[in-house]
Amino acid sequence: MQVTLASIFESGAVYYPMILLLPIATGIALARWRPLRRGLWILAAVVAAFILFDFALDDTRSEDIAFFIVLGLFMFGLGVLARWLAKRVIRPAAGD
C-alpha cells in the first residue's frame, strides 16, 4: 500500500488541524519574537504557502478559487488574533 503526500493531506485528521494550528502557532511565535514591521508579512507568507500547497494538490482548482480565498483570509485573521492575544499574555521580561 503506497501512501502519498496528497492522500495524507486530504484526510481530515491532518488537513483541519493544519488549518487551525498553523496560523495560531505562527501568530504566537511572532508575538514572542516581536518583529517590528515584518510580522504580518511573515504570517501572510506562511498562509500563502499553505494555500498554494493546498491549491497544487486540489483536483478541482477552478471551481474552488473562492474557497481558497476565504480560507486564506480566515487563516490570516486567525493568525492575527493569535498574535494579538499572545502579545497581551506574553509579557516581555524586564531585561528584554
PDB file of N, CA and C in Angstrom:
ATOM      1  N   MET A   1       0.847  -1.177   0.000  1.00  0.00           N
ATOM      2  CA  MET A   1       0.000   0.000   0.000  1.00  0.00           C
ATOM      3  C   MET A   1       0.894   1.242   0.000  1.00  0.00           C
ATOM      4  N   GLN A   2       0.716   2.074  -1.001  1.00  0.00           N
ATOM      5  CA  GLN A   2       1.521   3.281  -1.126  1.00  0.00           C
ATOM      6  C   GLN A   2       0.728   4.472  -0.601  1.00  0.00           C
ATOM      7  N   VAL A   3       1.326   5.191   0.320  1.00  0.00           N
ATOM      8  CA  VAL A   3       0.695   6.385   0.879  1.00  0.00           C
ATOM      9  C   VAL A   3       1.412   7.593   0.306  1.00  0.00           C
ATOM     10  N   THR A   4       0.675   8.439  -0.363  1.00  0.00           N
ATOM     11  CA  THR A   4       1.285   9.624  -0.944  1.00  0.00           C
ATOM     12  C   THR A   4       0.993  10.843  -0.086  1.00  0.00           C
ATOM     13  N   LEU A   5       1.732  11.895  -0.334  1.00  0.00           N
ATOM     14  CA  LEU A   5       1.554  13.131   0.404  1.00  0.00           C
ATOM     15  C   LEU A   5       0.155  13.693   0.192  1.00  0.00           C
ATOM     16  N   ALA A   6      -0.351  13.599  -1.026  1.00  0.00           N
ATOM     17  CA  ALA A   6      -1.682  14.135  -1.307  1.00  0.00           C
ATOM     18  C   ALA A   6      -2.752  13.399  -0.526  1.00  0.00           C
ATOM     19  N   SER A   7      -2.657  12.078  -0.411  1.00  0.00           N
ATOM     20  CA  SER A   7      -3.690  11.336   0.310  1.00  0.00           C
ATOM     21  C   SER A   7      -3.610  11.591   1.812  1.00  0.00           C
ATOM     22  N   ILE A   8      -2.399  11.783   2.339  1.00  0.00           N
ATOM     23  CA  ILE A   8      -2.270  12.123   3.757  1.00  0.00           C
ATOM     24  C   ILE A   8      -2.845  13.506   4.012  1.00  0.00           C
ATOM     25  N   PHE A   9      -2.563  14.442   3.120  1.00  0.00           N
ATOM     26  CA  PHE A   9      -3.032  15.812   3.292  1.00  0.00           C
ATOM     27  C   PHE A   9      -4.540  15.923   3.117  1.00  0.00           C
ATOM     28  N   GLU A  10      -5.128  15.038   2.310  1.00  0.00           N
ATOM     29  CA  GLU A  10      -6.575  15.082   2.083  1.00  0.00           C
ATOM     30  C   GLU A  10      -7.379  14.586   3.270  1.00  0.00           C
ATOM     31  N   SER A  11      -6.790  13.781   4.118  1.00  0.00           N
ATOM     32  CA  SER A  11      -7.549  13.264   5.245  1.00  0.00           C
ATOM     33  C   SER A  11      -7.849  14.395   6.217  1.00  0.00           C
ATOM     34  N   GLY A  12      -9.026  14.370   6.793  1.00  0.00           N
ATOM     35  CA  GLY A  12      -9.422  15.406   7.733  1.00  0.00           C
ATOM     36  C   GLY A  12      -8.575  15.419   8.988  1.00  0.00           C
ATOM     37  N   ALA A  13      -7.948  14.293   9.313  1.00  0.00           N
ATOM     38  CA  ALA A  13      -7.128  14.206  10.514  1.00  0.00           C
ATOM     39  C   ALA A  13      -5.877  15.068  10.408  1.00  0.00           C
ATOM     40  N   VAL A  14      -5.423  15.363   9.209  1.00  0.00           N
ATOM     41  CA  VAL A  14      -4.244  16.200   9.015  1.00  0.00           C
ATOM     42  C   VAL A  14      -4.647  17.594   8.543  1.00  0.00           C
ATOM     43  N   TYR A  15      -5.612  17.668   7.655  1.00  0.00           N
ATOM     44  CA  TYR A  15      -5.973  18.923   6.997  1.00  0.00           C
ATOM     45  C   TYR A  15      -6.565  19.940   7.968  1.00  0.00           C
ATOM     46  N   TYR A  16      -7.551  19.560   8.746  1.00  0.00           N
ATOM     47  CA  TYR A  16      -8.228  20.514   9.628  1.00  0.00           C
ATOM     48  C   TYR A  16      -7.342  21.002  10.777  1.00  0.00           C
ATOM     49  N   PRO A  17      -6.561  20.148  11.424  1.00  0.00           N
ATOM     50  CA  PRO A  17      -5.634  20.699  12.426  1.00  0.00           C
ATOM     51  C   PRO A  17      -4.606  21.651  11.818  1.00  0.00           C
ATOM     52  N   MET A  18      -4.161  21.380  10.587  1.00  0.00           N
ATOM     53  CA  MET A  18      -3.215  22.288   9.932  1.00  0.00           C
ATOM     54  C   MET A  18      -3.843  23.654   9.702  1.00  0.00           C
ATOM     55  N   ILE A  19      -5.120  23.680   9.306  1.00  0.00           N
ATOM     56  CA  ILE A  19      -5.809  24.951   9.066  1.00  0.00           C
ATOM     57  C   ILE A  19      -5.851  25.774  10.342  1.00  0.00           C
ATOM     58  N   LEU A  20      -6.059  25.129  11.473  1.00  0.00           N
ATOM     59  CA  LEU A  20      -6.168  25.857  12.734  1.00  0.00           C
ATOM     60  C   LEU A  20      -4.817  26.093  13.402  1.00  0.00           C
ATOM     61  N   LEU A  21      -3.967  25.084  13.443  1.00  0.00           N
ATOM     62  CA  LEU A  21      -2.741  25.189  14.218  1.00  0.00           C
ATOM     63  C   LEU A  21      -1.644  25.999  13.534  1.00  0.00           C
ATOM     64  N   LEU A  22      -1.568  25.962  12.231  1.00  0.00           N
ATOM     65  CA  LEU A  22      -0.511  26.690  11.528  1.00  0.00           C
ATOM     66  C   LEU A  22      -0.580  28.197  11.778  1.00  0.00           C
ATOM     67  N   PRO A  23      -1.725  28.859  11.579  1.00  0.00           N
ATOM     68  CA  PRO A  23      -1.743  30.301  11.853  1.00  0.00           C
ATOM     69  C   PRO A  23      -1.653  30.633  13.342  1.00  0.00           C
ATOM     70  N   ILE A  24      -2.198  29.775  14.204  1.00  0.00           N
ATOM     71  CA  ILE A  24      -2.116  30.035  15.648  1.00  0.00           C
ATOM     72  C   ILE A  24      -0.669  29.938  16.115  1.00  0.00           C
ATOM     73  N   ALA A  25       0.037  28.897  15.705  1.00  0.00           N
ATOM     74  CA  ALA A  25       1.442  28.734  16.098  1.00  0.00           C
ATOM     75  C   ALA A  25       2.301  29.862  15.535  1.00  0.00           C
ATOM     76  N   THR A  26       2.044  30.275  14.308  1.00  0.00           N
ATOM     77  CA  THR A  26       2.799  31.371  13.708  1.00  0.00           C
ATOM     78  C   THR A  26       2.521  32.678  14.440  1.00  0.00           C
ATOM     79  N   GLY A  27       1.254  32.928  14.766  1.00  0.00           N
ATOM     80  CA  GLY A  27       0.901  34.151  15.495  1.00  0.00           C
ATOM     81  C   GLY A  27       1.549  34.212  16.861  1.00  0.00           C
ATOM     82  N   ILE A  28       1.570  33.096  17.567  1.00  0.00           N
ATOM     83  CA  ILE A  28       2.209  33.064  18.891  1.00  0.00           C
ATOM     84  C   ILE A  28       3.717  33.253  18.767  1.00  0.00           C
ATOM     85  N   ALA A  29       4.330  32.601  17.781  1.00  0.00           N
ATOM     86  CA  ALA A  29       5.771  32.759  17.577  1.00  0.00           C
ATOM     87  C   ALA A  29       6.117  34.208  17.222  1.00  0.00           C
ATOM     88  N   LEU A  30       5.291  34.846  16.411  1.00  0.00           N
ATOM     89  CA  LEU A  30       5.550  36.240  16.052  1.00  0.00           C
ATOM     90  C   LEU A  30       5.354  37.173  17.237  1.00  0.00           C
ATOM     91  N   ALA A  31       4.417  36.843  18.123  1.00  0.00           N
ATOM     92  CA  ALA A  31       4.222  37.670  19.316  1.00  0.00           C
ATOM     93  C   ALA A  31       5.417  37.558  20.248  1.00  0.00           C
ATOM     94  N   ARG A  32       5.983  36.389  20.336  1.00  0.00           N
ATOM     95  CA  ARG A  32       7.140  36.192  21.215  1.00  0.00           C
ATOM     96  C   ARG A  32       8.403  36.800  20.620  1.00  0.00           C
ATOM     97  N   TRP A  33       8.583  36.634  19.323  1.00  0.00           N
ATOM     98  CA  TRP A  33       9.778  37.121  18.636  1.00  0.00           C
ATOM     99  C   TRP A  33       9.718  38.640  18.440  1.00  0.00           C
ATOM    100  N   ARG A  34       8.525  39.169  18.232  1.00  0.00           N
ATOM    101  CA  ARG A  34       8.234  40.592  18.071  1.00  0.00           C
ATOM    102  C   ARG A  34       8.994  41.280  16.942  1.00  0.00           C
ATOM    103  N   PRO A  35       8.862  40.799  15.709  1.00  0.00           N
ATOM    104  CA  PRO A  35       9.450  41.570  14.603  1.00  0.00           C
ATOM    105  C   PRO A  35       8.650  42.857  14.421  1.00  0.00           C
ATOM    106  N   LEU A  36       9.309  43.954  14.143  1.00  0.00           N
ATOM    107  CA  LEU A  36       8.635  45.238  14.135  1.00  0.00           C
ATOM    108  C   LEU A  36       7.601  45.357  13.019  1.00  0.00           C
ATOM    109  N   ARG A  37       8.039  45.319  11.793  1.00  0.00           N
ATOM    110  CA  ARG A  37       7.104  45.536  10.685  1.00  0.00           C
ATOM    111  C   ARG A  37       6.900  44.312   9.821  1.00  0.00           C
ATOM    112  N   ARG A  38       7.745  43.319   9.997  1.00  0.00           N
ATOM    113  CA  ARG A  38       7.670  42.146   9.124  1.00  0.00           C
ATOM    114  C   ARG A  38       6.715  41.088   9.634  1.00  0.00           C
ATOM    115  N   GLY A  39       6.175  41.240  10.823  1.00  0.00           N
ATOM    116  CA  GLY A  39       5.359  40.202  11.432  1.00  0.00           C
ATOM    117  C   GLY A  39       4.176  39.778  10.585  1.00  0.00           C
ATOM    118  N   LEU A  40       3.429  40.739  10.081  1.00  0.00           N
ATOM    119  CA  LEU A  40       2.260  40.393   9.272  1.00  0.00           C
ATOM    120  C   LEU A  40       2.670  39.839   7.911  1.00  0.00           C
ATOM    121  N   TRP A  41       3.808  40.283   7.392  1.00  0.00           N
ATOM    122  CA  TRP A  41       4.292  39.732   6.123  1.00  0.00           C
ATOM    123  C   TRP A  41       4.709  38.271   6.288  1.00  0.00           C
ATOM    124  N   ILE A  42       5.318  37.959   7.417  1.00  0.00           N
ATOM    125  CA  ILE A  42       5.700  36.572   7.684  1.00  0.00           C
ATOM    126  C   ILE A  42       4.459  35.706   7.816  1.00  0.00           C
ATOM    127  N   LEU A  43       3.458  36.191   8.536  1.00  0.00           N
ATOM    128  CA  LEU A  43       2.201  35.460   8.677  1.00  0.00           C
ATOM    129  C   LEU A  43       1.531  35.272   7.315  1.00  0.00           C
ATOM    130  N   ALA A  44       1.517  36.321   6.505  1.00  0.00           N
ATOM    131  CA  ALA A  44       0.926  36.217   5.162  1.00  0.00           C
ATOM    132  C   ALA A  44       1.676  35.201   4.301  1.00  0.00           C
ATOM    133  N   ALA A  45       2.995  35.146   4.425  1.00  0.00           N
ATOM    134  CA  ALA A  45       3.786  34.182   3.650  1.00  0.00           C
ATOM    135  C   ALA A  45       3.492  32.750   4.087  1.00  0.00           C
ATOM    136  N   VAL A  46       3.331  32.529   5.393  1.00  0.00           N
ATOM    137  CA  VAL A  46       3.010  31.180   5.893  1.00  0.00           C
ATOM    138  C   VAL A  46       1.642  30.747   5.378  1.00  0.00           C
ATOM    139  N   VAL A  47       0.668  31.636   5.458  1.00  0.00           N
ATOM    140  CA  VAL A  47      -0.683  31.309   4.977  1.00  0.00           C
ATOM    141  C   VAL A  47      -0.663  31.088   3.465  1.00  0.00           C
ATOM    142  N   ALA A  48       0.048  31.934   2.732  1.00  0.00           N
ATOM    143  CA  ALA A  48       0.113  31.780   1.275  1.00  0.00           C
ATOM    144  C   ALA A  48       0.784  30.461   0.887  1.00  0.00           C
ATOM    145  N   ALA A  49       1.814  30.061   1.622  1.00  0.00           N
ATOM    146  CA  ALA A  49       2.476  28.784   1.331  1.00  0.00           C
ATOM    147  C   ALA A  49       1.512  27.620   1.536  1.00  0.00           C
ATOM    148  N   PHE A  50       0.728  27.665   2.614  1.00  0.00           N
ATOM    149  CA  PHE A  50      -0.257  26.608   2.860  1.00  0.00           C
ATOM    150  C   PHE A  50      -1.319  26.594   1.764  1.00  0.00           C
ATOM    151  N   ILE A  51      -1.827  27.757   1.407  1.00  0.00           N
ATOM    152  CA  ILE A  51      -2.876  27.844   0.376  1.00  0.00           C
ATOM    153  C   ILE A  51      -2.341  27.367  -0.969  1.00  0.00           C
ATOM    154  N   LEU A  52      -1.130  27.766  -1.329  1.00  0.00           N
ATOM    155  CA  LEU A  52      -0.556  27.318  -2.605  1.00  0.00           C
ATOM    156  C   LEU A  52      -0.305  25.816  -2.623  1.00  0.00           C
ATOM    157  N   PHE A  53       0.134  25.271  -1.509  1.00  0.00           N
ATOM    158  CA  PHE A  53       0.326  23.825  -1.405  1.00  0.00           C
ATOM    159  C   PHE A  53      -1.010  23.100  -1.543  1.00  0.00           C
ATOM    160  N   ASP A  54      -2.033  23.596  -0.861  1.00  0.00           N
ATOM    161  CA  ASP A  54      -3.365  23.008  -0.951  1.00  0.00           C
ATOM    162  C   ASP A  54      -3.916  23.148  -2.365  1.00  0.00           C
ATOM    163  N   PHE A  55      -3.695  24.302  -2.986  1.00  0.00           N
ATOM    164  CA  PHE A  55      -4.159  24.554  -4.350  1.00  0.00           C
ATOM    165  C   PHE A  55      -3.494  23.601  -5.338  1.00  0.00           C
ATOM    166  N   ALA A  56      -2.208  23.331  -5.136  1.00  0.00           N
ATOM    167  CA  ALA A  56      -1.481  22.439  -6.036  1.00  0.00           C
ATOM    168  C   ALA A  56      -1.992  21.004  -5.957  1.00  0.00           C
ATOM    169  N   LEU A  57      -2.458  20.597  -4.783  1.00  0.00           N
ATOM    170  CA  LEU A  57      -2.936  19.221  -4.614  1.00  0.00           C
ATOM    171  C   LEU A  57      -4.426  19.052  -4.930  1.00  0.00           C
ATOM    172  N   ASP A  58      -5.125  20.157  -5.176  1.00  0.00           N
ATOM    173  CA  ASP A  58      -6.561  20.088  -5.414  1.00  0.00           C
ATOM    174  C   ASP A  58      -6.856  19.662  -6.850  1.00  0.00           C
ATOM    175  N   ASP A  59      -7.828  18.779  -6.981  1.00  0.00           N
ATOM    176  CA  ASP A  59      -8.213  18.305  -8.316  1.00  0.00           C
ATOM    177  C   ASP A  59      -9.130  19.279  -9.037  1.00  0.00           C
ATOM    178  N   THR A  60      -9.943  20.004  -8.288  1.00  0.00           N
ATOM    179  CA  THR A  60     -10.926  20.915  -8.887  1.00  0.00           C
ATOM    180  C   THR A  60     -10.538  22.357  -8.555  1.00  0.00           C
ATOM    181  N   ARG A  61      -9.384  22.768  -9.046  1.00  0.00           N
ATOM    182  CA  ARG A  61      -8.866  24.098  -8.720  1.00  0.00           C
ATOM    183  C   ARG A  61      -9.782  25.220  -9.174  1.00  0.00           C
ATOM    184  N   SER A  62     -10.237  25.146 -10.395  1.00  0.00           N
ATOM    185  CA  SER A  62     -11.000  26.259 -10.954  1.00  0.00           C
ATOM    186  C   SER A  62     -12.324  26.480 -10.233  1.00  0.00           C
ATOM    187  N   GLU A  63     -12.939  25.426  -9.730  1.00  0.00           N
ATOM    188  CA  GLU A  63     -14.210  25.583  -9.028  1.00  0.00           C
ATOM    189  C   GLU A  63     -14.023  26.039  -7.584  1.00  0.00           C
ATOM    190  N   ASP A  64     -12.821  25.871  -7.054  1.00  0.00           N
ATOM    191  CA  ASP A  64     -12.586  26.139  -5.635  1.00  0.00           C
ATOM    192  C   ASP A  64     -11.817  27.423  -5.366  1.00  0.00           C
ATOM    193  N   ILE A  65     -11.729  28.330  -6.327  1.00  0.00           N
ATOM    194  CA  ILE A  65     -10.971  29.570  -6.137  1.00  0.00           C
ATOM    195  C   ILE A  65     -11.543  30.380  -4.972  1.00  0.00           C
ATOM    196  N   ALA A  66     -12.867  30.511  -4.914  1.00  0.00           N
ATOM    197  CA  ALA A  66     -13.487  31.284  -3.829  1.00  0.00           C
ATOM    198  C   ALA A  66     -13.190  30.643  -2.472  1.00  0.00           C
ATOM    199  N   PHE A  67     -13.198  29.317  -2.419  1.00  0.00           N
ATOM    200  CA  PHE A  67     -12.881  28.619  -1.174  1.00  0.00           C
ATOM    201  C   PHE A  67     -11.469  28.946  -0.705  1.00  0.00           C
ATOM    202  N   PHE A  68     -10.502  28.953  -1.624  1.00  0.00           N
ATOM    203  CA  PHE A  68      -9.120  29.230  -1.260  1.00  0.00           C
ATOM    204  C   PHE A  68      -8.948  30.667  -0.777  1.00  0.00           C
ATOM    205  N   ILE A  69      -9.656  31.591  -1.374  1.00  0.00           N
ATOM    206  CA  ILE A  69      -9.585  32.993  -0.946  1.00  0.00           C
ATOM    207  C   ILE A  69     -10.141  33.141   0.465  1.00  0.00           C
ATOM    208  N   VAL A  70     -11.308  32.563   0.709  1.00  0.00           N
ATOM    209  CA  VAL A  70     -11.922  32.645   2.038  1.00  0.00           C
ATOM    210  C   VAL A  70     -11.070  31.909   3.068  1.00  0.00           C
ATOM    211  N   LEU A  71     -10.533  30.762   2.707  1.00  0.00           N
ATOM    212  CA  LEU A  71      -9.672  30.015   3.623  1.00  0.00           C
ATOM    213  C   LEU A  71      -8.426  30.821   3.986  1.00  0.00           C
ATOM    214  N   GLY A  72      -7.817  31.461   3.011  1.00  0.00           N
ATOM    215  CA  GLY A  72      -6.646  32.291   3.276  1.00  0.00           C
ATOM    216  C   GLY A  72      -6.966  33.462   4.188  1.00  0.00           C
ATOM    217  N   LEU A  73      -8.090  34.120   3.956  1.00  0.00           N
ATOM    218  CA  LEU A  73      -8.495  35.232   4.823  1.00  0.00           C
ATOM    219  C   LEU A  73      -8.792  34.752   6.237  1.00  0.00           C
ATOM    220  N   PHE A  74      -9.449  33.599   6.357  1.00  0.00           N
ATOM    221  CA  PHE A  74      -9.747  33.037   7.679  1.00  0.00           C
ATOM    222  C   PHE A  74      -8.463  32.707   8.425  1.00  0.00           C
ATOM    223  N   MET A  75      -7.533  32.055   7.744  1.00  0.00           N
ATOM    224  CA  MET A  75      -6.275  31.671   8.392  1.00  0.00           C
ATOM    225  C   MET A  75      -5.456  32.900   8.785  1.00  0.00           C
ATOM    226  N   PHE A  76      -5.424  33.902   7.927  1.00  0.00           N
ATOM    227  CA  PHE A  76      -4.690  35.125   8.247  1.00  0.00           C
ATOM    228  C   PHE A  76      -5.322  35.827   9.449  1.00  0.00           C
ATOM    229  N   GLY A  77      -6.639  35.918   9.463  1.00  0.00           N
ATOM    230  CA  GLY A  77      -7.341  36.537  10.592  1.00  0.00           C
ATOM    231  C   GLY A  77      -7.116  35.779  11.883  1.00  0.00           C
ATOM    232  N   LEU A  78      -7.114  34.463  11.807  1.00  0.00           N
ATOM    233  CA  LEU A  78      -6.858  33.642  12.991  1.00  0.00           C
ATOM    234  C   LEU A  78      -5.432  33.866  13.502  1.00  0.00           C
ATOM    235  N   GLY A  79      -4.486  33.986  12.606  1.00  0.00           N
ATOM    236  CA  GLY A  79      -3.104  34.253  12.995  1.00  0.00           C
ATOM    237  C   GLY A  79      -2.934  35.626  13.627  1.00  0.00           C
ATOM    238  N   VAL A  80      -3.618  36.629  13.073  1.00  0.00           N
ATOM    239  CA  VAL A  80      -3.562  37.975  13.643  1.00  0.00           C
ATOM    240  C   VAL A  80      -4.180  37.978  15.035  1.00  0.00           C
ATOM    241  N   LEU A  81      -5.294  37.284  15.192  1.00  0.00           N
ATOM    242  CA  LEU A  81      -5.936  37.192  16.507  1.00  0.00           C
ATOM    243  C   LEU A  81      -5.025  36.491  17.514  1.00  0.00           C
ATOM    244  N   ALA A  82      -4.395  35.402  17.098  1.00  0.00           N
ATOM    245  CA  ALA A  82      -3.477  34.685  17.999  1.00  0.00           C
ATOM    246  C   ALA A  82      -2.293  35.563  18.367  1.00  0.00           C
ATOM    247  N   ARG A  83      -1.779  36.315  17.423  1.00  0.00           N
ATOM    248  CA  ARG A  83      -0.658  37.225  17.692  1.00  0.00           C
ATOM    249  C   ARG A  83      -1.074  38.309  18.672  1.00  0.00           C
ATOM    250  N   TRP A  84      -2.238  38.890  18.475  1.00  0.00           N
ATOM    251  CA  TRP A  84      -2.736  39.954  19.349  1.00  0.00           C
ATOM    252  C   TRP A  84      -2.952  39.433  20.772  1.00  0.00           C
ATOM    253  N   LEU A  85      -3.584  38.254  20.881  1.00  0.00           N
ATOM    254  CA  LEU A  85      -3.813  37.679  22.207  1.00  0.00           C
ATOM    255  C   LEU A  85      -2.504  37.285  22.885  1.00  0.00           C
ATOM    256  N   ALA A  86      -1.580  36.735  22.137  1.00  0.00           N
ATOM    257  CA  ALA A  86      -0.298  36.323  22.713  1.00  0.00           C
ATOM    258  C   ALA A  86       0.515  37.528  23.168  1.00  0.00           C
ATOM    259  N   LYS A  87       0.407  38.645  22.459  1.00  0.00           N
ATOM    260  CA  LYS A  87       1.097  39.858  22.904  1.00  0.00           C
ATOM    261  C   LYS A  87       0.574  40.317  24.253  1.00  0.00           C
ATOM    262  N   ARG A  88      -0.709  40.104  24.504  1.00  0.00           N
ATOM    263  CA  ARG A  88      -1.310  40.510  25.775  1.00  0.00           C
ATOM    264  C   ARG A  88      -0.926  39.562  26.907  1.00  0.00           C
ATOM    265  N   VAL A  89      -0.729  38.289  26.583  1.00  0.00           N
ATOM    266  CA  VAL A  89      -0.439  37.283  27.603  1.00  0.00           C
ATOM    267  C   VAL A  89       1.060  37.207  27.892  1.00  0.00           C
ATOM    268  N   ILE A  90       1.861  37.199  26.829  1.00  0.00           N
ATOM    269  CA  ILE A  90       3.316  37.090  26.996  1.00  0.00           C
ATOM    270  C   ILE A  90       3.864  38.470  27.314  1.00  0.00           C
ATOM    271  N   ARG A  91       4.308  38.652  28.520  1.00  0.00           N
ATOM    272  CA  ARG A  91       4.893  39.922  28.938  1.00  0.00           C
ATOM    273  C   ARG A  91       6.403  39.869  28.723  1.00  0.00           C
ATOM    274  N   PRO A  92       6.955  40.902  28.138  1.00  0.00           N
ATOM    275  CA  PRO A  92       8.412  40.898  27.969  1.00  0.00           C
ATOM    276  C   PRO A  92       9.098  40.997  29.328  1.00  0.00           C
ATOM    277  N   ALA A  93      10.198  40.303  29.435  1.00  0.00           N
ATOM    278  CA  ALA A  93      10.968  40.359  30.679  1.00  0.00           C
ATOM    279  C   ALA A  93      11.579  41.760  30.832  1.00  0.00           C
ATOM    280  N   ALA A  94      11.907  42.116  32.042  1.00  0.00           N
ATOM    281  CA  ALA A  94      12.440  43.455  32.312  1.00  0.00           C
ATOM    282  C   ALA A  94      13.769  43.689  31.578  1.00  0.00           C
ATOM    283  N   GLY A  95      14.541  42.631  31.371  1.00  0.00           N
ATOM    284  CA  GLY A  95      15.831  42.749  30.710  1.00  0.00           C
ATOM    285  C   GLY A  95      15.753  42.759  29.197  1.00  0.00           C
ATOM    286  N   ASP A  96      14.604  42.421  28.610  1.00  0.00           N
ATOM    287  CA  ASP A  96      14.489  42.350  27.142  1.00  0.00           C
ATOM    288  C   ASP A  96      14.488  43.693  26.511  1.00  0.00           C
TER     289      ASP A  96
END
